[in-house]
């Protein structure tokens, strides 16, 4: 069974890699913004046995800097009836009051 923390990391990594907006990804890399994970719901455990499972993440831009995420398998499209939603939630990107001074 996939640990719950992995879903959170998948959502964060997808956003940071520019999955929705290159500008957001750039500000995250520069350390001038941060990600707040909100309203996370674990829905259906992802169990992987001997067979490989393809897992997808959909990022949907909402108003006020919110990004909805859906982590799913069983289909290439999260809104397909055959898709199994494993987790979903929201992320908010906010500017830091005191940006980081570069990466170590």
N, C-alpha and C. Protein backbone atom coordinates (compact mmCIF):
# COMPACT_ATOMS: atom_id res chain seq x y z
N UNK A 1 0.85 -1.17 0.00
CA UNK A 1 0.00 0.00 0.00
C UNK A 1 0.91 1.24 0.00
N UNK A 2 0.56 2.20 -0.83
CA UNK A 2 1.33 3.45 -0.93
C UNK A 2 1.07 4.30 0.32
N UNK A 3 2.14 4.73 1.02
CA UNK A 3 1.96 5.56 2.22
C UNK A 3 1.28 6.90 1.88
N UNK A 4 0.50 7.41 2.80
CA UNK A 4 -0.23 8.67 2.59
C UNK A 4 0.67 9.85 2.29
N UNK A 5 1.85 9.88 2.88
CA UNK A 5 2.77 11.01 2.64
C UNK A 5 3.23 11.08 1.18
N UNK A 6 3.21 9.95 0.48
CA UNK A 6 3.63 9.94 -0.91
C UNK A 6 2.66 10.74 -1.78
N UNK A 7 1.38 10.68 -1.47
CA UNK A 7 0.40 11.45 -2.24
C UNK A 7 0.67 12.95 -2.09
N UNK A 8 0.99 13.38 -0.88
CA UNK A 8 1.29 14.79 -0.65
C UNK A 8 2.54 15.21 -1.42
N UNK A 9 3.54 14.35 -1.42
CA UNK A 9 4.77 14.65 -2.15
C UNK A 9 4.53 14.67 -3.65
N UNK A 10 3.68 13.79 -4.15
CA UNK A 10 3.35 13.78 -5.58
C UNK A 10 2.71 15.11 -5.99
N UNK A 11 1.78 15.59 -5.19
CA UNK A 11 1.09 16.86 -5.49
C UNK A 11 2.09 18.01 -5.49
N UNK A 12 2.93 18.08 -4.46
CA UNK A 12 3.92 19.14 -4.35
C UNK A 12 4.88 19.10 -5.53
N UNK A 13 5.39 17.92 -5.85
CA UNK A 13 6.37 17.78 -6.93
C UNK A 13 5.76 18.14 -8.29
N UNK A 14 4.52 17.75 -8.52
CA UNK A 14 3.87 18.07 -9.80
C UNK A 14 3.75 19.58 -9.98
N UNK A 15 3.40 20.27 -8.92
CA UNK A 15 3.28 21.73 -8.99
C UNK A 15 4.65 22.37 -9.17
N UNK A 16 5.62 21.89 -8.42
CA UNK A 16 6.97 22.45 -8.47
C UNK A 16 7.64 22.23 -9.82
N UNK A 17 7.28 21.16 -10.51
CA UNK A 17 7.87 20.86 -11.81
C UNK A 17 7.16 21.58 -12.95
N UNK A 18 6.28 22.50 -12.62
CA UNK A 18 5.63 23.30 -13.65
C UNK A 18 4.41 22.65 -14.25
N UNK A 19 3.79 21.73 -13.51
CA UNK A 19 2.63 21.01 -14.01
C UNK A 19 1.44 21.89 -14.33
N UNK A 20 1.37 23.09 -13.79
CA UNK A 20 0.23 23.96 -14.06
C UNK A 20 0.67 25.32 -14.59
N UNK A 21 1.83 25.78 -14.13
CA UNK A 21 2.25 27.14 -14.48
C UNK A 21 3.76 27.27 -14.27
N UNK A 22 4.48 27.58 -15.33
CA UNK A 22 5.94 27.72 -15.26
C UNK A 22 6.35 28.86 -14.32
N UNK A 23 5.55 29.90 -14.26
CA UNK A 23 5.86 31.03 -13.37
C UNK A 23 5.81 30.59 -11.91
N UNK A 24 4.81 29.81 -11.55
CA UNK A 24 4.71 29.29 -10.19
C UNK A 24 5.93 28.42 -9.89
N UNK A 25 6.27 27.53 -10.82
CA UNK A 25 7.42 26.65 -10.63
C UNK A 25 8.69 27.47 -10.41
N UNK A 26 8.84 28.54 -11.16
CA UNK A 26 10.02 29.40 -11.04
C UNK A 26 10.09 30.06 -9.67
N UNK A 27 8.96 30.58 -9.18
CA UNK A 27 8.97 31.25 -7.87
C UNK A 27 9.23 30.26 -6.74
N UNK A 28 8.76 29.02 -6.91
CA UNK A 28 9.03 27.99 -5.90
C UNK A 28 10.52 27.67 -5.87
N UNK A 29 11.12 27.56 -7.05
CA UNK A 29 12.55 27.26 -7.14
C UNK A 29 13.39 28.40 -6.56
N UNK A 30 12.96 29.63 -6.79
CA UNK A 30 13.68 30.80 -6.28
C UNK A 30 13.53 30.95 -4.77
N UNK A 31 12.53 30.30 -4.20
CA UNK A 31 12.30 30.40 -2.76
C UNK A 31 11.52 31.64 -2.36
N UNK A 32 10.76 32.22 -3.31
CA UNK A 32 9.98 33.41 -2.99
C UNK A 32 8.52 33.08 -2.68
N UNK A 33 8.13 31.82 -2.86
CA UNK A 33 6.77 31.39 -2.53
C UNK A 33 6.83 30.04 -1.81
N UNK A 34 5.72 29.68 -1.22
CA UNK A 34 5.62 28.37 -0.57
C UNK A 34 4.28 27.74 -0.93
N UNK A 35 4.19 26.43 -0.72
CA UNK A 35 2.98 25.67 -1.03
C UNK A 35 2.31 25.26 0.28
N UNK A 36 1.02 25.50 0.38
CA UNK A 36 0.22 25.05 1.51
C UNK A 36 -0.74 23.98 0.99
N UNK A 37 -0.65 22.78 1.54
CA UNK A 37 -1.56 21.70 1.16
C UNK A 37 -2.80 21.80 2.05
N UNK A 38 -3.98 21.75 1.43
CA UNK A 38 -5.23 21.94 2.16
C UNK A 38 -6.25 20.89 1.72
N UNK A 39 -7.18 20.61 2.60
CA UNK A 39 -8.35 19.79 2.27
C UNK A 39 -7.98 18.47 1.62
N UNK A 40 -6.89 17.85 2.07
CA UNK A 40 -6.47 16.59 1.48
C UNK A 40 -7.39 15.46 1.94
N UNK A 41 -7.81 14.64 0.99
CA UNK A 41 -8.69 13.52 1.29
C UNK A 41 -8.06 12.25 0.70
N UNK A 42 -7.82 11.25 1.56
CA UNK A 42 -7.40 9.95 1.08
C UNK A 42 -8.67 9.17 0.79
N UNK A 43 -8.82 8.71 -0.45
CA UNK A 43 -10.09 8.12 -0.84
C UNK A 43 -10.02 6.60 -0.99
N UNK A 44 -9.13 6.13 -1.81
CA UNK A 44 -9.01 4.70 -2.10
C UNK A 44 -7.54 4.33 -2.06
N UNK A 45 -7.13 3.44 -1.16
CA UNK A 45 -5.72 3.09 -1.08
C UNK A 45 -5.18 2.55 -2.41
N UNK A 46 -3.96 2.90 -2.72
CA UNK A 46 -3.30 2.38 -3.91
C UNK A 46 -2.44 1.20 -3.46
N UNK A 47 -2.84 0.02 -3.89
CA UNK A 47 -2.12 -1.20 -3.54
C UNK A 47 -1.44 -1.72 -4.79
N UNK A 48 -0.13 -1.93 -4.69
CA UNK A 48 0.64 -2.44 -5.82
C UNK A 48 1.21 -3.79 -5.43
N UNK A 49 0.87 -4.79 -6.21
CA UNK A 49 1.40 -6.14 -5.96
C UNK A 49 2.52 -6.40 -6.95
N UNK A 50 2.40 -7.46 -7.72
CA UNK A 50 3.42 -7.83 -8.69
C UNK A 50 3.29 -7.06 -10.01
N UNK A 51 2.09 -6.60 -10.31
CA UNK A 51 1.87 -5.89 -11.57
C UNK A 51 2.11 -4.39 -11.40
N UNK A 52 2.64 -3.80 -12.45
CA UNK A 52 2.91 -2.36 -12.45
C UNK A 52 1.59 -1.58 -12.55
N UNK A 53 1.51 -0.47 -11.83
CA UNK A 53 0.31 0.38 -11.86
C UNK A 53 0.72 1.77 -12.31
N UNK A 54 0.03 2.29 -13.30
CA UNK A 54 0.29 3.64 -13.77
C UNK A 54 -0.60 4.61 -13.00
N UNK A 55 0.04 5.58 -12.33
CA UNK A 55 -0.67 6.55 -11.51
C UNK A 55 -0.53 7.92 -12.15
N UNK A 56 -1.60 8.69 -12.15
CA UNK A 56 -1.62 10.02 -12.77
C UNK A 56 -1.98 11.07 -11.73
N UNK A 57 -1.63 12.30 -12.05
CA UNK A 57 -2.08 13.42 -11.22
C UNK A 57 -2.61 14.50 -12.14
N UNK A 58 -3.78 15.01 -11.81
CA UNK A 58 -4.38 16.12 -12.56
C UNK A 58 -4.30 17.36 -11.68
N UNK A 59 -3.82 18.45 -12.26
CA UNK A 59 -3.77 19.74 -11.57
C UNK A 59 -4.74 20.68 -12.26
N UNK A 60 -5.61 21.30 -11.49
CA UNK A 60 -6.63 22.19 -12.04
C UNK A 60 -6.51 23.54 -11.35
N UNK A 61 -6.24 24.57 -12.13
CA UNK A 61 -6.08 25.91 -11.58
C UNK A 61 -7.44 26.47 -11.19
N UNK A 62 -7.52 26.98 -9.96
CA UNK A 62 -8.75 27.60 -9.46
C UNK A 62 -8.46 29.08 -9.19
N UNK A 63 -9.44 29.79 -8.69
CA UNK A 63 -9.24 31.22 -8.39
C UNK A 63 -8.45 31.39 -7.10
N UNK A 64 -7.96 32.60 -6.89
CA UNK A 64 -7.23 32.97 -5.68
C UNK A 64 -5.95 32.16 -5.46
N UNK A 65 -5.31 31.72 -6.55
CA UNK A 65 -4.05 31.00 -6.42
C UNK A 65 -4.18 29.57 -5.96
N UNK A 66 -5.38 29.04 -5.93
CA UNK A 66 -5.59 27.65 -5.53
C UNK A 66 -5.40 26.71 -6.71
N UNK A 67 -4.86 25.53 -6.42
CA UNK A 67 -4.71 24.48 -7.42
C UNK A 67 -5.29 23.21 -6.84
N UNK A 68 -6.27 22.65 -7.52
CA UNK A 68 -6.87 21.38 -7.11
C UNK A 68 -6.03 20.26 -7.68
N UNK A 69 -5.85 19.18 -6.92
CA UNK A 69 -5.15 18.02 -7.45
C UNK A 69 -5.96 16.76 -7.21
N UNK A 70 -5.88 15.86 -8.20
CA UNK A 70 -6.52 14.55 -8.12
C UNK A 70 -5.47 13.52 -8.50
N UNK A 71 -5.26 12.54 -7.66
CA UNK A 71 -4.31 11.46 -7.92
C UNK A 71 -5.13 10.21 -8.19
N UNK A 72 -4.93 9.60 -9.36
CA UNK A 72 -5.82 8.53 -9.79
C UNK A 72 -5.07 7.49 -10.62
N UNK A 73 -5.71 6.35 -10.82
CA UNK A 73 -5.19 5.29 -11.69
C UNK A 73 -6.38 4.67 -12.42
N UNK A 74 -6.08 3.75 -13.32
CA UNK A 74 -7.14 3.03 -14.03
C UNK A 74 -7.62 3.69 -15.30
N UNK A 75 -7.16 4.90 -15.59
CA UNK A 75 -7.55 5.62 -16.78
C UNK A 75 -6.55 6.74 -17.02
N UNK A 76 -6.51 7.23 -18.24
CA UNK A 76 -5.65 8.38 -18.54
C UNK A 76 -6.32 9.69 -18.15
N UNK A 77 -7.60 9.66 -17.83
CA UNK A 77 -8.36 10.88 -17.53
C UNK A 77 -9.05 10.74 -16.17
N UNK A 78 -8.86 11.73 -15.29
CA UNK A 78 -9.40 11.63 -13.94
C UNK A 78 -10.92 11.64 -13.89
N UNK A 79 -11.56 12.20 -14.90
CA UNK A 79 -13.02 12.26 -14.89
C UNK A 79 -13.68 11.10 -15.63
N UNK A 80 -12.88 10.12 -16.04
CA UNK A 80 -13.38 8.92 -16.70
C UNK A 80 -14.03 8.02 -15.63
N UNK A 81 -15.10 7.34 -15.99
CA UNK A 81 -15.80 6.47 -15.03
C UNK A 81 -14.95 5.31 -14.55
N UNK A 82 -13.94 4.91 -15.33
CA UNK A 82 -13.08 3.80 -14.93
C UNK A 82 -11.93 4.24 -14.03
N UNK A 83 -11.72 5.53 -13.88
CA UNK A 83 -10.63 6.04 -13.04
C UNK A 83 -10.92 5.78 -11.57
N UNK A 84 -9.89 5.42 -10.84
CA UNK A 84 -9.99 5.23 -9.39
C UNK A 84 -9.26 6.39 -8.75
N UNK A 85 -9.97 7.23 -8.04
CA UNK A 85 -9.35 8.37 -7.36
C UNK A 85 -8.81 7.90 -6.02
N UNK A 86 -7.50 8.10 -5.84
CA UNK A 86 -6.84 7.66 -4.61
C UNK A 86 -6.75 8.79 -3.58
N UNK A 87 -6.56 10.01 -4.07
CA UNK A 87 -6.45 11.16 -3.17
C UNK A 87 -6.76 12.43 -3.95
N UNK A 88 -7.21 13.44 -3.20
CA UNK A 88 -7.46 14.74 -3.83
C UNK A 88 -7.35 15.82 -2.76
N UNK A 89 -7.17 17.03 -3.22
CA UNK A 89 -7.06 18.14 -2.29
C UNK A 89 -6.77 19.43 -3.02
N UNK A 90 -6.35 20.42 -2.25
CA UNK A 90 -6.04 21.74 -2.79
C UNK A 90 -4.65 22.16 -2.34
N UNK A 91 -4.02 22.97 -3.17
CA UNK A 91 -2.74 23.59 -2.81
C UNK A 91 -2.89 25.08 -3.01
N UNK A 92 -2.29 25.85 -2.13
CA UNK A 92 -2.28 27.30 -2.27
C UNK A 92 -0.82 27.73 -2.32
N UNK A 93 -0.50 28.53 -3.33
CA UNK A 93 0.84 29.08 -3.46
C UNK A 93 0.78 30.50 -2.92
N UNK A 94 1.64 30.79 -1.94
CA UNK A 94 1.65 32.11 -1.32
C UNK A 94 3.06 32.68 -1.33
N UNK A 95 3.13 34.00 -1.50
CA UNK A 95 4.43 34.67 -1.45
C UNK A 95 4.92 34.69 -0.01
N UNK A 96 6.22 34.46 0.14
CA UNK A 96 6.82 34.52 1.46
C UNK A 96 7.10 35.97 1.86
N UNK A 97 6.88 36.29 3.12
CA UNK A 97 7.17 37.64 3.60
C UNK A 97 8.68 37.88 3.62
N UNK A 98 9.43 36.82 3.93
CA UNK A 98 10.88 36.91 3.98
C UNK A 98 11.45 35.80 3.11
N UNK A 99 11.62 36.06 1.80
CA UNK A 99 12.09 35.02 0.88
C UNK A 99 13.44 34.43 1.32
N UNK A 100 13.61 33.16 0.97
CA UNK A 100 14.87 32.47 1.27
C UNK A 100 16.01 33.11 0.50
N UNK A 101 17.19 33.03 1.04
CA UNK A 101 18.37 33.64 0.42
C UNK A 101 19.14 32.64 -0.43
N UNK A 102 18.51 32.01 -1.37
CA UNK A 102 19.20 31.06 -2.24
C UNK A 102 19.24 29.67 -1.62
N UNK A 103 19.55 28.70 -2.46
CA UNK A 103 19.58 27.31 -2.00
C UNK A 103 20.97 26.98 -1.46
N UNK A 104 21.04 26.09 -0.44
CA UNK A 104 22.34 25.70 0.13
C UNK A 104 23.16 24.89 -0.84
